[in-house]
Amino acid sequence: MSMQAIAQDQRILTLDALLAASTARTGLNDFGDPAFREGLDLLLSDIRALDLDPACVQATAWRIGQSLDTRALAVKGLRERPEVLERPIAEPIIIAGLVRSGTTALHLLMSLDPQFQGPEHWLTVYPMPRPPREKWDEIPEYRTEKASLDAYLQASPESADDHMMTAEGIEESLFILGSGFASNMWPSMWEVPNYDRWYRSRDDTGSYRWLADVLRLIGAGDDRRWLLKNPTDLFSLQEVLNVFPDAKIIQTHRDPVDSTPSVSNLIFSARRAFCGDKADRAEVGRREAEMWAQALERAESVRAKSDATFIDVEFRDFTRDQMATIRSIYDQLGLTLTAGTEGAMQAWLDAHPHKPGKGPKHKPEDFGLTREGMEQRFAAYRARRGYI
């Protein structure tokens, strides 16, 4: 491809071009507080420096464009329903922990309890007050996201195994946070060092205020308690508590020496989808090890000075006996686990049995890491949790 063609292709990855494209799709030109533009502009600058091939440029424009659409739709909904901004989000239960430490399965299990509400996947893409479930098949946005997600999972079945995503299922907070453009989601997709430094050095309280407002929109008219999940909340735990001061935090734990290669493989798969052959295994491994070591130590620092409620869940205990872990969580939170809910959880577990592997699928060396190096990097956390 000529340099002129590459430059022309890159032009769609500018702030003005992406905003105009989003407006053309949705008919909306109000994206709310313009503070989001700082992060998005920095993100796009780093992405353009990668000189992606045309297919990756198109995939990138689609992915960022989807989050701009989400943002515009949320702003529209909040303008139409300003009264929801006065609704409290009281004592949300937030699951946070290392990626690959059981957060997804725990979130899905607890979401079967009708006393909780969570953001369904399609509503994190098309935020609106949650319609009655029996009406969803009539809603174009639901049908569109269901078809899109089904096609993606058919093309990438390993994602279905890893995330167990469905359009109607509960989703983590990351997708809503992503539409604020100060989010760990974006460095997971591209190597964007300047954006990454900016993201990790900022106070993220504004991002969680945005999350809270979008949740208020989705849950308009629903008084149930919120059940949320986002591994990256560990990194921003103080900001989480700034916005949700009475949150109950469930922190899942796993030896990061075991989980980091698996996390790196997950991130590398995302990088390949958006960067093609520019995805670098060693860069992914370095970044993920650094990010999660920093997240664990930041979380520990916050916990040491906070009077918030924290419940610790060991991955090995959870995988050995999921229902015993659930009962323990409910006991510690003073919640009632009804026979009907317990039966629904057990039925889900029977349909999704945990399959212990014969050994780790991925080695540290696959991502430019060494076991010795990770043992040193995570030494303090491993000592606290008894992994040494």
Protein backbone atom coordinates (compact mmCIF):
# COMPACT_ATOMS: atom_id res chain seq x y z
CA MET A 1 0.00 0.00 0.00
CA SER A 2 1.32 3.47 -0.91
CA MET A 3 2.10 6.03 1.77
CA GLN A 4 -0.68 8.23 0.35
CA ALA A 5 -3.21 5.40 0.67
CA ILE A 6 -2.09 4.65 4.24
CA ALA A 7 -2.43 8.32 5.18
CA GLN A 8 -5.90 8.47 3.63
CA ASP A 9 -6.94 5.31 5.47
CA GLN A 10 -5.67 6.71 8.77
CA ARG A 11 -7.85 9.80 8.36
CA ILE A 12 -10.87 7.94 9.66
CA LEU A 13 -8.99 7.53 12.97
CA THR A 14 -9.28 11.17 13.98
CA LEU A 15 -11.54 12.57 16.66
CA ASP A 16 -13.60 14.69 14.26
CA ALA A 17 -14.03 11.86 11.76
CA LEU A 18 -15.14 9.36 14.38
CA LEU A 19 -17.56 11.81 16.00
CA ALA A 20 -19.07 12.62 12.59
CA ALA A 21 -19.40 8.93 11.75
CA SER A 22 -21.14 8.26 15.07
CA THR A 23 -23.57 11.12 14.44
CA ALA A 24 -24.31 9.74 10.98
CA ARG A 25 -25.15 6.33 12.49
CA THR A 26 -27.23 7.47 15.44
CA GLY A 27 -28.49 10.92 14.43
CA LEU A 28 -27.08 12.21 17.73
CA ASN A 29 -24.43 14.89 18.12
CA ASP A 30 -24.48 15.42 21.88
CA PHE A 31 -21.72 13.39 23.54
CA GLY A 32 -22.02 15.04 26.93
CA ASP A 33 -19.15 16.39 29.00
CA PRO A 34 -16.31 17.07 26.52
CA ALA A 35 -13.69 15.92 29.05
CA PHE A 36 -13.77 12.48 27.36
CA ARG A 37 -12.09 14.00 24.29
CA GLU A 38 -8.71 14.28 26.06
CA GLY A 39 -8.36 10.54 26.45
CA LEU A 40 -9.84 9.71 23.07
CA ASP A 41 -7.58 12.15 21.24
CA LEU A 42 -4.51 10.71 22.99
CA LEU A 43 -5.67 7.16 22.27
CA LEU A 44 -6.16 7.91 18.57
CA SER A 45 -2.75 9.59 18.32
CA ASP A 46 -1.06 6.46 19.64
CA ILE A 47 -3.11 4.19 17.38
CA ARG A 48 -2.28 6.20 14.25
CA ALA A 49 1.42 5.82 15.09
CA LEU A 50 1.01 2.03 14.74
CA ASP A 51 0.40 2.32 10.97
CA LEU A 52 -2.20 -0.44 11.04
CA ASP A 53 -3.22 -2.27 7.88
CA PRO A 54 -6.58 -1.31 6.30
CA ALA A 55 -8.53 -4.19 7.86
CA CYS A 56 -7.26 -3.27 11.34
CA VAL A 57 -8.01 0.41 10.75
CA GLN A 58 -11.59 -0.50 9.89
CA ALA A 59 -11.88 -2.79 12.94
CA THR A 60 -10.46 -0.03 15.12
CA ALA A 61 -12.85 2.58 13.76
CA TRP A 62 -15.77 0.21 14.35
CA ARG A 63 -14.76 -0.58 17.93
CA ILE A 64 -14.14 3.00 19.00
CA GLY A 65 -17.19 4.12 17.05
CA GLN A 66 -19.38 1.68 18.95
CA SER A 67 -18.33 3.24 22.25
CA LEU A 68 -19.03 6.71 20.89
CA ASP A 69 -22.51 5.53 19.87
CA THR A 70 -22.98 4.11 23.38
CA ARG A 71 -21.95 7.41 24.88
CA ALA A 72 -24.31 9.46 22.71
CA LEU A 73 -27.23 7.13 23.45
CA ALA A 74 -26.54 7.32 27.20
CA VAL A 75 -26.39 11.12 27.09
CA LYS A 76 -29.69 11.20 25.19
CA GLY A 77 -31.33 8.88 27.71
CA LEU A 78 -30.07 10.92 30.67
CA ARG A 79 -31.26 14.17 29.08
CA GLU A 80 -34.72 12.62 28.66
CA ARG A 81 -34.82 11.16 32.17
CA PRO A 82 -32.91 13.65 34.37
CA GLU A 83 -34.80 12.45 37.44
CA VAL A 84 -32.82 9.18 37.43
CA LEU A 85 -29.70 11.12 38.41
CA GLU A 86 -31.21 11.63 41.85
CA ARG A 87 -31.60 7.89 42.49
CA PRO A 88 -29.09 6.44 44.96
CA ILE A 89 -27.07 3.34 44.19
CA ALA A 90 -27.06 1.86 47.66
CA GLU A 91 -24.59 -0.76 48.85
CA PRO A 92 -23.73 -2.24 45.46
CA ILE A 93 -21.92 -5.57 45.49
CA ILE A 94 -18.80 -5.29 43.35
CA ILE A 95 -16.72 -8.29 42.30
CA ALA A 96 -13.09 -7.39 41.56
CA GLY A 97 -9.99 -9.51 41.26
CA LEU A 98 -7.29 -10.58 38.89
CA VAL A 99 -8.46 -11.60 35.46
CA ARG A 100 -8.71 -15.41 35.43
CA SER A 101 -9.45 -15.62 39.15
CA GLY A 102 -13.09 -16.70 38.89
CA THR A 103 -14.74 -13.28 38.61
CA THR A 104 -16.84 -14.17 35.56
CA ALA A 105 -18.27 -17.41 36.94
CA LEU A 106 -18.97 -15.83 40.33
CA HIS A 107 -20.70 -12.86 38.68
CA LEU A 108 -22.85 -15.09 36.49
CA LEU A 109 -23.82 -17.32 39.41
CA MET A 110 -24.84 -14.45 41.67
CA SER A 111 -26.75 -12.80 38.81
CA LEU A 112 -29.19 -15.73 38.95
CA ASP A 113 -30.48 -14.33 42.24
CA PRO A 114 -33.54 -12.17 41.44
CA GLN A 115 -32.79 -9.80 44.33
CA PHE A 116 -29.97 -8.32 42.23
CA GLN A 117 -29.85 -6.33 39.02
CA GLY A 118 -26.87 -5.92 36.74
CA PRO A 119 -26.22 -4.31 33.37
CA GLU A 120 -27.14 -6.78 30.64
CA HIS A 121 -24.66 -6.95 27.76
CA TRP A 122 -26.92 -5.41 25.12
CA LEU A 123 -27.78 -2.52 27.43
CA THR A 124 -24.10 -1.70 27.92
CA VAL A 125 -23.98 -1.19 24.14
CA TYR A 126 -27.41 0.45 23.75
CA PRO A 127 -28.10 2.05 27.17
CA MET A 128 -31.76 2.77 27.90
CA PRO A 129 -34.15 2.10 30.78
CA ARG A 130 -34.36 -1.68 30.96
CA PRO A 131 -37.49 -2.80 29.08
CA PRO A 132 -39.58 -5.77 30.29
CA ARG A 133 -37.80 -9.00 29.35
CA GLU A 134 -40.72 -10.28 27.27
CA LYS A 135 -40.40 -7.25 24.96
CA TRP A 136 -36.72 -7.60 24.11
CA ASP A 137 -37.21 -9.62 20.92
CA GLU A 138 -39.24 -6.70 19.55
CA ILE A 139 -36.48 -4.15 20.19
CA PRO A 140 -34.18 -3.46 17.18
CA GLU A 141 -31.17 -2.65 19.39
CA TYR A 142 -31.43 -5.98 21.20
CA ARG A 143 -31.79 -7.91 17.95
CA THR A 144 -28.87 -6.06 16.40
CA GLU A 145 -26.50 -6.71 19.31
CA LYS A 146 -27.61 -10.33 19.63
CA ALA A 147 -26.88 -10.98 15.96
CA SER A 148 -23.54 -9.17 16.19
CA LEU A 149 -22.47 -11.04 19.31
CA ASP A 150 -23.62 -14.41 17.98
CA ALA A 151 -21.58 -13.87 14.81
CA TYR A 152 -18.52 -12.87 16.81
CA LEU A 153 -18.75 -15.89 19.11
CA GLN A 154 -19.23 -18.22 16.14
CA ALA A 155 -16.04 -16.85 14.61
CA SER A 156 -14.22 -16.92 17.96
CA PRO A 157 -15.60 -19.86 19.98
CA GLU A 158 -12.81 -19.58 22.55
CA SER A 159 -14.30 -16.25 23.60
CA ALA A 160 -17.58 -18.00 24.33
CA ASP A 161 -15.73 -20.44 26.58
CA ASP A 162 -13.72 -17.73 28.33
CA HIS A 163 -16.45 -15.15 28.90
CA MET A 164 -19.75 -17.03 28.50
CA MET A 165 -21.15 -13.84 26.95
CA THR A 166 -24.73 -13.55 25.70
CA ALA A 167 -26.64 -10.47 24.61
CA GLU A 168 -29.15 -10.93 27.42
CA GLY A 169 -26.64 -11.97 30.10
CA ILE A 170 -25.11 -9.79 32.78
CA GLU A 171 -22.02 -7.87 31.68
CA GLU A 172 -19.08 -6.36 33.51
CA SER A 173 -18.74 -2.61 33.98
CA LEU A 174 -15.80 -2.32 31.61
CA PHE A 175 -17.92 -1.64 28.53
CA ILE A 176 -19.73 1.31 30.13
CA LEU A 177 -16.45 2.66 31.52
CA GLY A 178 -14.97 2.33 28.04
CA SER A 179 -17.45 4.88 26.70
CA GLY A 180 -15.80 7.43 28.99
CA PHE A 181 -12.48 6.80 27.16
CA ALA A 182 -10.43 6.59 30.35
CA SER A 183 -10.35 2.84 30.68
CA ASN A 184 -8.05 -0.15 30.83
CA MET A 185 -10.08 -1.61 27.96
CA TRP A 186 -8.24 0.45 25.38
CA PRO A 187 -4.61 -0.53 26.20
CA SER A 188 -5.84 -4.12 26.10
CA MET A 189 -6.58 -3.74 22.38
CA TRP A 190 -3.62 -1.71 21.13
CA GLU A 191 -0.10 -0.85 22.24
CA VAL A 192 -0.74 2.77 23.22
CA PRO A 193 2.05 3.80 25.62
CA ASN A 194 1.23 7.51 25.92
CA TYR A 195 -2.46 6.83 26.52
CA ASP A 196 -1.58 4.07 28.98
CA ARG A 197 0.66 6.37 31.02
CA TRP A 198 -2.06 9.04 31.05
CA TYR A 199 -4.75 6.56 32.07
CA ARG A 200 -2.72 5.05 34.91
CA SER A 201 -1.63 8.42 36.32
CA ARG A 202 -5.06 10.08 36.53
CA ASP A 203 -7.76 10.25 39.16
CA ASP A 204 -10.51 8.03 37.75
CA THR A 205 -13.36 9.28 39.93
CA GLY A 206 -15.06 10.91 36.93
CA SER A 207 -15.15 7.60 35.08
CA TYR A 208 -17.00 5.95 37.94
CA ARG A 209 -19.45 8.86 38.18
CA TRP A 210 -20.20 8.23 34.49
CA LEU A 211 -20.66 4.53 35.22
CA ALA A 212 -23.04 5.32 38.08
CA ASP A 213 -25.14 7.62 35.91
CA VAL A 214 -25.44 5.08 33.09
CA LEU A 215 -26.42 2.42 35.63
CA ARG A 216 -29.10 4.77 36.95
CA LEU A 217 -30.45 5.09 33.40
CA ILE A 218 -30.49 1.34 32.78
CA GLY A 219 -32.06 0.63 36.17
CA ALA A 220 -34.68 3.41 36.03
CA GLY A 221 -37.71 2.15 37.93
CA ASP A 222 -35.88 -0.90 39.32
CA ASP A 223 -35.10 -0.73 43.04
CA ARG A 224 -33.09 -3.94 43.26
CA ARG A 225 -29.53 -3.93 44.55
CA TRP A 226 -26.78 -3.63 41.96
CA LEU A 227 -24.38 -6.51 41.32
CA LEU A 228 -21.30 -5.33 39.40
CA LYS A 229 -18.04 -6.84 38.27
CA ASN A 230 -14.85 -5.43 36.80
CA PRO A 231 -11.33 -6.77 37.45
CA THR A 232 -9.80 -3.36 36.76
CA ASP A 233 -11.67 -1.94 39.75
CA LEU A 234 -8.67 -3.23 41.72
CA PHE A 235 -6.51 -0.60 40.03
CA SER A 236 -9.03 2.17 40.73
CA LEU A 237 -10.36 0.95 44.07
CA GLN A 238 -10.14 4.34 45.75
CA GLU A 239 -12.12 5.95 42.93
CA VAL A 240 -14.69 3.13 43.13
CA LEU A 241 -15.20 3.91 46.82
CA ASN A 242 -15.28 7.66 46.14
CA VAL A 243 -18.40 7.09 44.04
CA PHE A 244 -19.83 4.03 45.82
CA PRO A 245 -18.73 4.63 49.45
CA ASP A 246 -20.97 1.89 50.88
CA ALA A 247 -20.03 -0.74 48.29
CA LYS A 248 -19.39 -4.31 49.38
CA ILE A 249 -16.27 -5.53 47.60
CA ILE A 250 -15.70 -9.20 46.81
CA GLN A 251 -12.03 -9.59 45.89
CA THR A 252 -11.09 -12.83 44.18
CA HIS A 253 -7.53 -14.11 44.49
CA ARG A 254 -5.27 -16.39 42.50
CA ASP A 255 -1.51 -16.78 42.29
CA PRO A 256 -0.61 -14.24 39.57
CA VAL A 257 2.36 -16.39 38.54
CA ASP A 258 -0.24 -18.90 37.32
CA SER A 259 -2.81 -16.44 35.98
CA THR A 260 -0.62 -13.88 34.18
CA PRO A 261 0.28 -16.07 31.16
CA SER A 262 -3.42 -16.84 30.68
CA VAL A 263 -4.32 -13.15 31.01
CA SER A 264 -1.60 -12.31 28.49
CA ASN A 265 -2.99 -14.82 26.01
CA LEU A 266 -6.45 -13.30 26.34
CA ILE A 267 -5.09 -9.80 25.73
CA PHE A 268 -2.90 -10.99 22.85
CA SER A 269 -5.99 -12.43 21.14
CA ALA A 270 -7.66 -9.02 21.37
CA ARG A 271 -4.52 -7.31 20.08
CA ARG A 272 -4.41 -9.64 17.08
CA ALA A 273 -8.00 -8.73 16.21
CA PHE A 274 -7.22 -5.01 16.11
CA CYS A 275 -3.49 -4.87 15.31
CA GLY A 276 -2.90 -7.95 13.15
CA ASP A 277 0.78 -8.86 12.90
CA LYS A 278 1.78 -5.77 14.89
CA ALA A 279 0.58 -7.49 18.08
CA ASP A 280 3.68 -8.28 20.16
CA ARG A 281 3.52 -11.15 22.65
CA ALA A 282 6.44 -9.88 24.75
CA GLU A 283 4.98 -6.36 24.97
CA VAL A 284 1.65 -7.80 26.09
CA GLY A 285 3.31 -9.92 28.77
CA ARG A 286 5.38 -7.02 30.07
CA ARG A 287 2.41 -4.67 30.19
CA GLU A 288 0.00 -7.11 31.86
CA ALA A 289 2.50 -8.18 34.52
CA GLU A 290 3.26 -4.55 35.32
CA MET A 291 -0.40 -3.47 35.28
CA TRP A 292 -1.68 -6.19 37.59
CA ALA A 293 1.22 -5.93 40.03
CA GLN A 294 0.45 -2.22 40.31
CA ALA A 295 -3.29 -2.92 40.66
CA LEU A 296 -2.77 -5.40 43.49
CA GLU A 297 -0.54 -3.06 45.46
CA ARG A 298 -2.86 -0.07 44.92
CA ALA A 299 -5.82 -2.15 46.10
CA GLU A 300 -3.94 -3.30 49.19
CA SER A 301 -3.03 0.28 50.04
CA VAL A 302 -6.68 1.36 49.79
CA ARG A 303 -7.88 -1.61 51.84
CA ALA A 304 -5.39 -0.84 54.61
CA LYS A 305 -6.95 2.56 55.27
CA SER A 306 -10.60 1.86 54.39
CA ASP A 307 -13.47 0.82 56.62
CA ALA A 308 -15.41 -0.59 53.65
CA THR A 309 -16.56 -4.22 53.65
CA PHE A 310 -14.23 -6.62 51.83
CA ILE A 311 -14.79 -10.33 51.28
CA ASP A 312 -11.89 -12.44 50.02
CA VAL A 313 -12.46 -15.45 47.77
CA GLU A 314 -9.67 -17.85 46.83
CA PHE A 315 -9.87 -19.21 43.29
CA ARG A 316 -8.81 -22.67 44.43
CA ASP A 317 -11.57 -22.74 47.05
CA PHE A 318 -14.16 -21.47 44.60
CA THR A 319 -13.32 -24.04 41.93
CA ARG A 320 -13.31 -26.83 44.52
CA ASP A 321 -16.79 -26.04 45.86
CA GLN A 322 -18.63 -23.16 44.22
CA MET A 323 -21.80 -23.41 46.29
CA ALA A 324 -19.89 -23.45 49.57
CA THR A 325 -18.20 -20.23 48.45
CA ILE A 326 -21.56 -18.67 47.54
CA ARG A 327 -23.04 -19.60 50.92
CA SER A 328 -20.05 -18.07 52.69
CA ILE A 329 -20.42 -14.82 50.73
CA TYR A 330 -24.12 -14.62 51.49
CA ASP A 331 -23.47 -15.28 55.18
CA GLN A 332 -20.84 -12.54 55.35
CA LEU A 333 -23.13 -10.06 53.59
CA GLY A 334 -26.18 -11.00 55.64
CA LEU A 335 -28.07 -12.09 52.51
CA THR A 336 -30.72 -14.76 52.19
CA LEU A 337 -30.04 -17.55 49.70
CA THR A 338 -33.43 -19.04 48.86
CA ALA A 339 -33.90 -22.67 47.88
CA GLY A 340 -35.08 -21.57 44.42
CA THR A 341 -32.00 -19.42 43.82
CA GLU A 342 -29.67 -22.13 45.10
CA GLY A 343 -31.36 -24.60 42.75
CA ALA A 344 -30.89 -22.23 39.80
CA MET A 345 -27.22 -21.78 40.67
CA GLN A 346 -26.67 -25.53 40.95
CA ALA A 347 -28.40 -26.10 37.61
CA TRP A 348 -26.08 -23.54 36.01
CA LEU A 349 -23.05 -25.26 37.55
CA ASP A 350 -24.25 -28.63 36.29
CA ALA A 351 -24.54 -27.17 32.79
CA HIS A 352 -21.11 -25.48 33.00
CA PRO A 353 -18.86 -27.91 34.91
CA HIS A 354 -15.40 -26.71 35.86
CA LYS A 355 -12.82 -28.73 33.94
CA PRO A 356 -9.46 -28.70 35.68
CA GLY A 357 -6.64 -28.68 33.16
CA LYS A 358 -3.77 -31.13 33.11
CA GLY A 359 -1.41 -28.22 33.38
CA PRO A 360 -1.15 -24.57 32.38
CA LYS A 361 -2.02 -23.95 28.73
CA HIS A 362 0.34 -21.00 28.52
CA LYS A 363 3.85 -20.53 29.87
CA PRO A 364 5.48 -17.27 31.01
CA GLU A 365 8.08 -17.69 28.28
CA ASP A 366 5.32 -17.50 25.65
CA PHE A 367 5.03 -13.81 26.52
CA GLY A 368 8.62 -12.83 27.22
CA LEU A 369 8.29 -13.52 30.94
CA THR A 370 9.98 -15.89 33.36
CA ARG A 371 8.58 -17.59 36.41
CA GLU A 372 11.42 -16.21 38.51
CA GLY A 373 10.76 -12.68 37.30
CA MET A 374 7.05 -12.92 38.10
CA GLU A 375 7.73 -14.42 41.52
CA GLN A 376 9.86 -11.38 42.26
CA ARG A 377 7.37 -8.87 40.81
CA PHE A 378 4.43 -10.29 42.78
CA ALA A 379 6.41 -11.22 45.89
CA ALA A 380 4.52 -9.00 48.36
CA TYR A 381 1.07 -10.12 47.20
CA ARG A 382 2.09 -13.80 47.05
CA ALA A 383 3.45 -13.60 50.58
CA ARG A 384 0.24 -12.01 51.87
CA ARG A 385 -1.90 -14.70 50.26
CA GLY A 386 0.31 -17.64 51.19
CA TYR A 387 1.30 -18.58 47.64
CA ILE A 388 5.00 -18.81 48.49
